PDB file of N, CA and C in Angstrom:
ATOM      1  N   UNK A   1     163.962  59.753 -35.199  1.00  0.00           N
ATOM      2  CA  UNK A   1     164.039  58.185 -35.156  1.00  0.00           C
ATOM      3  C   UNK A   1     163.073  57.733 -34.035  1.00  0.00           C
ATOM      4  N   UNK A   2     163.064  58.481 -33.190  1.00  0.00           N
ATOM      5  CA  UNK A   2     161.699  58.498 -32.174  1.00  0.00           C
ATOM      6  C   UNK A   2     160.661  58.323 -32.849  1.00  0.00           C
ATOM      7  N   UNK A   3     160.448  59.384 -33.418  1.00  0.00           N
ATOM      8  CA  UNK A   3     158.817  59.347 -34.098  1.00  0.00           C
ATOM      9  C   UNK A   3     158.721  58.256 -34.823  1.00  0.00           C
ATOM     10  N   UNK A   4     159.412  57.630 -35.741  1.00  0.00           N
ATOM     11  CA  UNK A   4     159.407  56.469 -36.239  1.00  0.00           C
ATOM     12  C   UNK A   4     158.979  55.147 -35.473  1.00  0.00           C
ATOM     13  N   UNK A   5     159.998  54.944 -34.383  1.00  0.00           N
ATOM     14  CA  UNK A   5     159.804  53.828 -33.242  1.00  0.00           C
ATOM     15  C   UNK A   5     158.180  54.028 -32.756  1.00  0.00           C
ATOM     16  N   UNK A   6     157.822  55.169 -32.423  1.00  0.00           N
ATOM     17  CA  UNK A   6     156.695  55.345 -31.699  1.00  0.00           C
ATOM     18  C   UNK A   6     155.576  55.109 -32.583  1.00  0.00           C
ATOM     19  N   UNK A   7     155.916  55.282 -34.012  1.00  0.00           N
ATOM     20  CA  UNK A   7     154.940  55.037 -35.181  1.00  0.00           C
ATOM     21  C   UNK A   7     154.516  53.745 -35.127  1.00  0.00           C
ATOM     22  N   UNK A   8     155.784  52.985 -35.099  1.00  0.00           N
ATOM     23  CA  UNK A   8     155.268  51.396 -35.393  1.00  0.00           C
ATOM     24  C   UNK A   8     155.105  50.720 -34.094  1.00  0.00           C
ATOM     25  N   UNK A   9     155.435  51.286 -33.044  1.00  0.00           N
ATOM     26  CA  UNK A   9     154.942  50.621 -31.781  1.00  0.00           C
ATOM     27  C   UNK A   9     153.832  50.990 -31.120  1.00  0.00           C
ATOM     28  N   UNK A  10     153.169  52.026 -31.297  1.00  0.00           N
ATOM     29  CA  UNK A  10     152.006  52.417 -30.427  1.00  0.00           C
ATOM     30  C   UNK A  10     150.682  51.606 -30.549  1.00  0.00           C
ATOM     31  N   UNK A  11     150.334  51.597 -29.249  1.00  0.00           N
ATOM     32  CA  UNK A  11     149.183  50.661 -29.148  1.00  0.00           C
ATOM     33  C   UNK A  11     147.609  51.191 -29.073  1.00  0.00           C
ATOM     34  N   UNK A  12     147.724  52.603 -28.657  1.00  0.00           N
ATOM     35  CA  UNK A  12     146.683  53.632 -28.562  1.00  0.00           C
ATOM     36  C   UNK A  12     145.966  53.704 -29.768  1.00  0.00           C
ATOM     37  N   UNK A  13     146.357  53.526 -30.787  1.00  0.00           N
ATOM     38  CA  UNK A  13     145.584  53.827 -32.343  1.00  0.00           C
ATOM     39  C   UNK A  13     145.591  52.680 -33.045  1.00  0.00           C
ATOM     40  N   UNK A  14     145.386  51.500 -32.826  1.00  0.00           N
ATOM     41  CA  UNK A  14     145.822  50.296 -33.094  1.00  0.00           C
ATOM     42  C   UNK A  14     145.093  49.948 -34.688  1.00  0.00           C
ATOM     43  N   UNK A  15     143.990  50.648 -34.615  1.00  0.00           N
ATOM     44  CA  UNK A  15     143.476  50.363 -36.107  1.00  0.00           C
ATOM     45  C   UNK A  15     143.896  51.438 -36.935  1.00  0.00           C
ATOM     46  N   UNK A  16     144.636  52.338 -36.567  1.00  0.00           N
ATOM     47  CA  UNK A  16     145.010  53.461 -37.437  1.00  0.00           C
ATOM     48  C   UNK A  16     146.735  53.051 -38.074  1.00  0.00           C
ATOM     49  N   UNK A  17     147.051  51.991 -37.282  1.00  0.00           N
ATOM     50  CA  UNK A  17     148.680  51.621 -37.111  1.00  0.00           C
ATOM     51  C   UNK A  17     148.659  51.365 -39.165  1.00  0.00           C
ATOM     52  N   UNK A  18     150.130  51.731 -39.591  1.00  0.00           N
ATOM     53  CA  UNK A  18     150.089  51.664 -40.949  1.00  0.00           C
ATOM     54  C   UNK A  18     150.134  49.867 -41.176  1.00  0.00           C
ATOM     55  N   UNK A  19     149.793  49.604 -42.225  1.00  0.00           N
ATOM     56  CA  UNK A  19     150.008  47.939 -42.463  1.00  0.00           C
ATOM     57  C   UNK A  19     151.053  47.440 -42.291  1.00  0.00           C
ATOM     58  N   UNK A  20     151.451  46.186 -41.486  1.00  0.00           N
ATOM     59  CA  UNK A  20     152.601  45.678 -41.593  1.00  0.00           C
ATOM     60  C   UNK A  20     153.273  46.320 -40.286  1.00  0.00           C
ATOM     61  N   UNK A  21     152.683  47.271 -39.420  1.00  0.00           N
ATOM     62  CA  UNK A  21     153.349  47.619 -38.269  1.00  0.00           C
ATOM     63  C   UNK A  21     152.936  46.738 -36.865  1.00  0.00           C
ATOM     64  N   UNK A  22     153.847  46.988 -35.729  1.00  0.00           N
ATOM     65  CA  UNK A  22     153.263  46.397 -34.885  1.00  0.00           C
ATOM     66  C   UNK A  22     151.827  46.903 -34.142  1.00  0.00           C
ATOM     67  N   UNK A  23     151.675  47.881 -34.371  1.00  0.00           N
ATOM     68  CA  UNK A  23     150.506  48.576 -34.054  1.00  0.00           C
ATOM     69  C   UNK A  23     149.314  48.099 -34.956  1.00  0.00           C
ATOM     70  N   UNK A  24     149.534  47.945 -35.904  1.00  0.00           N
ATOM     71  CA  UNK A  24     148.431  47.209 -36.691  1.00  0.00           C
ATOM     72  C   UNK A  24     148.087  45.856 -36.577  1.00  0.00           C
ATOM     73  N   UNK A  25     149.131  45.192 -35.981  1.00  0.00           N
ATOM     74  CA  UNK A  25     149.075  43.289 -36.334  1.00  0.00           C
ATOM     75  C   UNK A  25     149.115  42.836 -35.070  1.00  0.00           C
ATOM     76  N   UNK A  26     149.864  43.507 -34.032  1.00  0.00           N
ATOM     77  CA  UNK A  26     150.075  42.426 -33.120  1.00  0.00           C
ATOM     78  C   UNK A  26     149.229  42.877 -31.752  1.00  0.00           C
ATOM     79  N   UNK A  27     148.709  41.598 -31.229  1.00  0.00           N
ATOM     80  CA  UNK A  27     147.799  41.338 -30.125  1.00  0.00           C
ATOM     81  C   UNK A  27     146.345  42.222 -30.014  1.00  0.00           C
ATOM     82  N   UNK A  28     145.607  42.564 -29.262  1.00  0.00           N
ATOM     83  CA  UNK A  28     144.470  43.005 -29.167  1.00  0.00           C
ATOM     84  C   UNK A  28     144.408  43.955 -28.014  1.00  0.00           C
ATOM     85  N   UNK A  29     145.377  44.077 -26.990  1.00  0.00           N
ATOM     86  CA  UNK A  29     145.434  44.775 -25.682  1.00  0.00           C
ATOM     87  C   UNK A  29     145.848  46.005 -25.527  1.00  0.00           C
ATOM     88  N   UNK A  30     145.580  47.351 -25.108  1.00  0.00           N
ATOM     89  CA  UNK A  30     146.372  48.227 -25.382  1.00  0.00           C
ATOM     90  C   UNK A  30     147.443  48.069 -23.944  1.00  0.00           C
ATOM     91  N   UNK A  31     147.043  47.170 -22.986  1.00  0.00           N
ATOM     92  CA  UNK A  31     148.099  46.991 -22.158  1.00  0.00           C
ATOM     93  C   UNK A  31     148.982  45.951 -22.113  1.00  0.00           C
ATOM     94  N   UNK A  32     148.724  44.765 -22.779  1.00  0.00           N
ATOM     95  CA  UNK A  32     149.388  43.565 -22.901  1.00  0.00           C
ATOM     96  C   UNK A  32     149.859  43.638 -24.160  1.00  0.00           C
ATOM     97  N   UNK A  33     151.195  44.103 -24.553  1.00  0.00           N
ATOM     98  CA  UNK A  33     151.796  44.159 -26.086  1.00  0.00           C
ATOM     99  C   UNK A  33     153.212  43.686 -25.739  1.00  0.00           C
ATOM    100  N   UNK A  34     153.516  43.016 -27.120  1.00  0.00           N
ATOM    101  CA  UNK A  34     154.754  42.504 -27.293  1.00  0.00           C
ATOM    102  C   UNK A  34     156.032  43.566 -27.384  1.00  0.00           C
ATOM    103  N   UNK A  35     155.454  44.764 -27.726  1.00  0.00           N
ATOM    104  CA  UNK A  35     156.596  45.838 -27.603  1.00  0.00           C
ATOM    105  C   UNK A  35     156.543  47.090 -26.921  1.00  0.00           C
ATOM    106  N   UNK A  36     157.360  47.629 -26.240  1.00  0.00           N
ATOM    107  CA  UNK A  36     156.829  49.011 -25.718  1.00  0.00           C
ATOM    108  C   UNK A  36     157.635  50.002 -26.105  1.00  0.00           C
ATOM    109  N   UNK A  37     157.544  51.227 -26.157  1.00  0.00           N
ATOM    110  CA  UNK A  37     158.313  51.862 -26.190  1.00  0.00           C
ATOM    111  C   UNK A  37     157.985  53.579 -25.505  1.00  0.00           C
ATOM    112  N   UNK A  38     158.494  54.295 -25.208  1.00  0.00           N
ATOM    113  CA  UNK A  38     158.236  55.599 -24.417  1.00  0.00           C
ATOM    114  C   UNK A  38     159.183  56.785 -24.522  1.00  0.00           C
ATOM    115  N   UNK A  39     158.881  58.193 -24.373  1.00  0.00           N
ATOM    116  CA  UNK A  39     159.450  58.977 -24.562  1.00  0.00           C
ATOM    117  C   UNK A  39     160.491  59.127 -23.710  1.00  0.00           C
ATOM    118  N   UNK A  40     161.486  59.971 -23.995  1.00  0.00           N
ATOM    119  CA  UNK A  40     162.740  59.547 -23.095  1.00  0.00           C
ATOM    120  C   UNK A  40     162.257  59.991 -21.818  1.00  0.00           C
ATOM    121  N   UNK A  41     161.426  60.959 -20.988  1.00  0.00           N
ATOM    122  CA  UNK A  41     161.201  61.214 -19.847  1.00  0.00           C
ATOM    123  C   UNK A  41     160.425  60.077 -19.201  1.00  0.00           C
ATOM    124  N   UNK A  42     159.364  59.768 -20.056  1.00  0.00           N
ATOM    125  CA  UNK A  42     158.560  58.700 -19.210  1.00  0.00           C
ATOM    126  C   UNK A  42     159.412  57.429 -19.021  1.00  0.00           C
ATOM    127  N   UNK A  43     160.206  57.449 -20.496  1.00  0.00           N
ATOM    128  CA  UNK A  43     160.967  56.188 -19.690  1.00  0.00           C
ATOM    129  C   UNK A  43     161.768  56.001 -18.745  1.00  0.00           C
ATOM    130  N   UNK A  44     162.585  56.952 -18.076  1.00  0.00           N
ATOM    131  CA  UNK A  44     163.491  57.187 -16.859  1.00  0.00           C
ATOM    132  C   UNK A  44     162.502  56.831 -15.995  1.00  0.00           C
ATOM    133  N   UNK A  45     161.193  57.064 -15.874  1.00  0.00           N
ATOM    134  CA  UNK A  45     160.403  56.852 -14.716  1.00  0.00           C
ATOM    135  C   UNK A  45     160.123  55.428 -14.640  1.00  0.00           C
ATOM    136  N   UNK A  46     159.309  54.956 -16.189  1.00  0.00           N
ATOM    137  CA  UNK A  46     159.144  53.511 -16.471  1.00  0.00           C
ATOM    138  C   UNK A  46     159.968  52.530 -15.919  1.00  0.00           C
ATOM    139  N   UNK A  47     161.754  52.954 -16.457  1.00  0.00           N
ATOM    140  CA  UNK A  47     162.497  52.048 -15.638  1.00  0.00           C
ATOM    141  C   UNK A  47     162.689  51.934 -14.567  1.00  0.00           C
ATOM    142  N   UNK A  48     162.633  52.954 -13.722  1.00  0.00           N
ATOM    143  CA  UNK A  48     162.741  53.028 -12.286  1.00  0.00           C
ATOM    144  C   UNK A  48     161.498  52.179 -11.465  1.00  0.00           C
ATOM    145  N   UNK A  49     160.786  51.746 -12.051  1.00  0.00           N
ATOM    146  CA  UNK A  49     159.479  50.740 -11.599  1.00  0.00           C
ATOM    147  C   UNK A  49     160.042  49.650 -11.578  1.00  0.00           C
ATOM    148  N   UNK A  50     160.775  49.291 -12.342  1.00  0.00           N
ATOM    149  CA  UNK A  50     161.185  47.777 -12.612  1.00  0.00           C
ATOM    150  C   UNK A  50     162.761  47.107 -12.444  1.00  0.00           C
ATOM    151  N   UNK A  51     163.331  48.666 -12.314  1.00  0.00           N
ATOM    152  CA  UNK A  51     164.979  47.830 -11.991  1.00  0.00           C
ATOM    153  C   UNK A  51     165.438  48.793 -10.897  1.00  0.00           C
ATOM    154  N   UNK A  52     166.583  48.202 -10.080  1.00  0.00           N
ATOM    155  CA  UNK A  52     167.232  49.066  -9.158  1.00  0.00           C
ATOM    156  C   UNK A  52     168.445  49.738 -10.186  1.00  0.00           C
ATOM    157  N   UNK A  53     168.958  50.793  -9.448  1.00  0.00           N
ATOM    158  CA  UNK A  53     169.818  51.262 -10.228  1.00  0.00           C
ATOM    159  C   UNK A  53     171.370  50.310 -10.436  1.00  0.00           C
ATOM    160  N   UNK A  54     171.354  49.367  -9.444  1.00  0.00           N
ATOM    161  CA  UNK A  54     173.032  49.078  -9.857  1.00  0.00           C
ATOM    162  C   UNK A  54     172.439  47.491 -11.027  1.00  0.00           C
ATOM    163  N   UNK A  55     171.214  47.619 -11.269  1.00  0.00           N
ATOM    164  CA  UNK A  55     170.678  46.561 -12.459  1.00  0.00           C
ATOM    165  C   UNK A  55     170.952  47.187 -13.627  1.00  0.00           C
ATOM    166  N   UNK A  56     170.928  48.466 -13.755  1.00  0.00           N
ATOM    167  CA  UNK A  56     171.331  48.888 -15.054  1.00  0.00           C
ATOM    168  C   UNK A  56     172.865  49.200 -15.575  1.00  0.00           C
ATOM    169  N   UNK A  57     172.738  48.903 -16.861  1.00  0.00           N
ATOM    170  CA  UNK A  57     174.396  48.937 -17.168  1.00  0.00           C
ATOM    171  C   UNK A  57     174.394  49.626 -18.656  1.00  0.00           C
ATOM    172  N   UNK A  58     175.830  50.191 -19.048  1.00  0.00           N
ATOM    173  CA  UNK A  58     175.700  50.622 -20.591  1.00  0.00           C
ATOM    174  C   UNK A  58     175.962  49.498 -21.364  1.00  0.00           C
ATOM    175  N   UNK A  59     175.525  49.754 -22.621  1.00  0.00           N
ATOM    176  CA  UNK A  59     175.772  48.670 -23.448  1.00  0.00           C
ATOM    177  C   UNK A  59     175.522  49.325 -24.798  1.00  0.00           C
ATOM    178  N   UNK A  60     176.469  48.771 -25.495  1.00  0.00           N
ATOM    179  CA  UNK A  60     177.093  49.587 -26.937  1.00  0.00           C
ATOM    180  C   UNK A  60     176.875  47.812 -28.072  1.00  0.00           C
ATOM    181  N   UNK A  61     175.991  47.395 -28.996  1.00  0.00           N
ATOM    182  CA  UNK A  61     175.916  46.606 -29.374  1.00  0.00           C
ATOM    183  C   UNK A  61     177.427  46.526 -30.226  1.00  0.00           C
ATOM    184  N   UNK A  62     177.764  45.208 -30.260  1.00  0.00           N
ATOM    185  CA  UNK A  62     178.572  44.797 -30.646  1.00  0.00           C
ATOM    186  C   UNK A  62     178.827  44.825 -32.379  1.00  0.00           C
ATOM    187  N   UNK A  63     178.001  45.129 -33.168  1.00  0.00           N
ATOM    188  CA  UNK A  63     177.952  45.381 -34.378  1.00  0.00           C
ATOM    189  C   UNK A  63     178.035  47.019 -34.916  1.00  0.00           C
ATOM    190  N   UNK A  64     177.793  47.948 -33.773  1.00  0.00           N
ATOM    191  CA  UNK A  64     177.896  49.398 -33.734  1.00  0.00           C
ATOM    192  C   UNK A  64     179.149  49.513 -34.758  1.00  0.00           C
ATOM    193  N   UNK A  65     180.444  49.211 -34.590  1.00  0.00           N
ATOM    194  CA  UNK A  65     181.738  49.681 -35.231  1.00  0.00           C
ATOM    195  C   UNK A  65     181.560  49.346 -36.713  1.00  0.00           C
ATOM    196  N   UNK A  66     180.246  48.133 -37.103  1.00  0.00           N
ATOM    197  CA  UNK A  66     180.040  47.716 -38.349  1.00  0.00           C
ATOM    198  C   UNK A  66     178.931  48.779 -39.227  1.00  0.00           C
ATOM    199  N   UNK A  67     178.271  49.528 -38.481  1.00  0.00           N
ATOM    200  CA  UNK A  67     177.310  50.320 -39.084  1.00  0.00           C
ATOM    201  C   UNK A  67     177.454  51.607 -39.468  1.00  0.00           C
ATOM    202  N   UNK A  68     178.595  51.814 -39.086  1.00  0.00           N
ATOM    203  CA  UNK A  68     178.993  53.387 -39.786  1.00  0.00           C
ATOM    204  C   UNK A  68     180.288  53.056 -40.355  1.00  0.00           C
ATOM    205  N   UNK A  69     180.754  54.393 -41.377  1.00  0.00           N
ATOM    206  CA  UNK A  69     181.797  54.691 -41.715  1.00  0.00           C
ATOM    207  C   UNK A  69     183.236  54.707 -40.943  1.00  0.00           C
ATOM    208  N   UNK A  70     184.275  54.651 -41.263  1.00  0.00           N
ATOM    209  CA  UNK A  70     185.380  55.102 -40.214  1.00  0.00           C
ATOM    210  C   UNK A  70     185.348  56.574 -39.995  1.00  0.00           C
ATOM    211  N   UNK A  71     184.842  57.147 -40.871  1.00  0.00           N
ATOM    212  CA  UNK A  71     184.807  58.682 -40.503  1.00  0.00           C
ATOM    213  C   UNK A  71     183.636  58.998 -40.078  1.00  0.00           C
ATOM    214  N   UNK A  72     183.058  58.462 -39.429  1.00  0.00           N
ATOM    215  CA  UNK A  72     181.589  58.726 -38.876  1.00  0.00           C
ATOM    216  C   UNK A  72     181.961  58.529 -37.404  1.00  0.00           C
ATOM    217  N   UNK A  73     180.973  59.705 -36.893  1.00  0.00           N
ATOM    218  CA  UNK A  73     180.975  59.247 -35.527  1.00  0.00           C
ATOM    219  C   UNK A  73     179.522  58.857 -35.116  1.00  0.00           C
TER     220      UNK A  73
END
């Protein structure tokens, strides 16, 4: 899943992005983009740049129970 998200959002190789992906069609800057994705270790550092610990809360989308069969976890 991480690989797929990184593939459609990456900005460092804009002109190599697959047709129809954010990487190929959105913006023209490597720094000013609409979507950002990071590897888990980088994300932890980046979140700390913008948010205080007390601003972070757990979140589970309300649709989660509808996206899996009853016997799946």
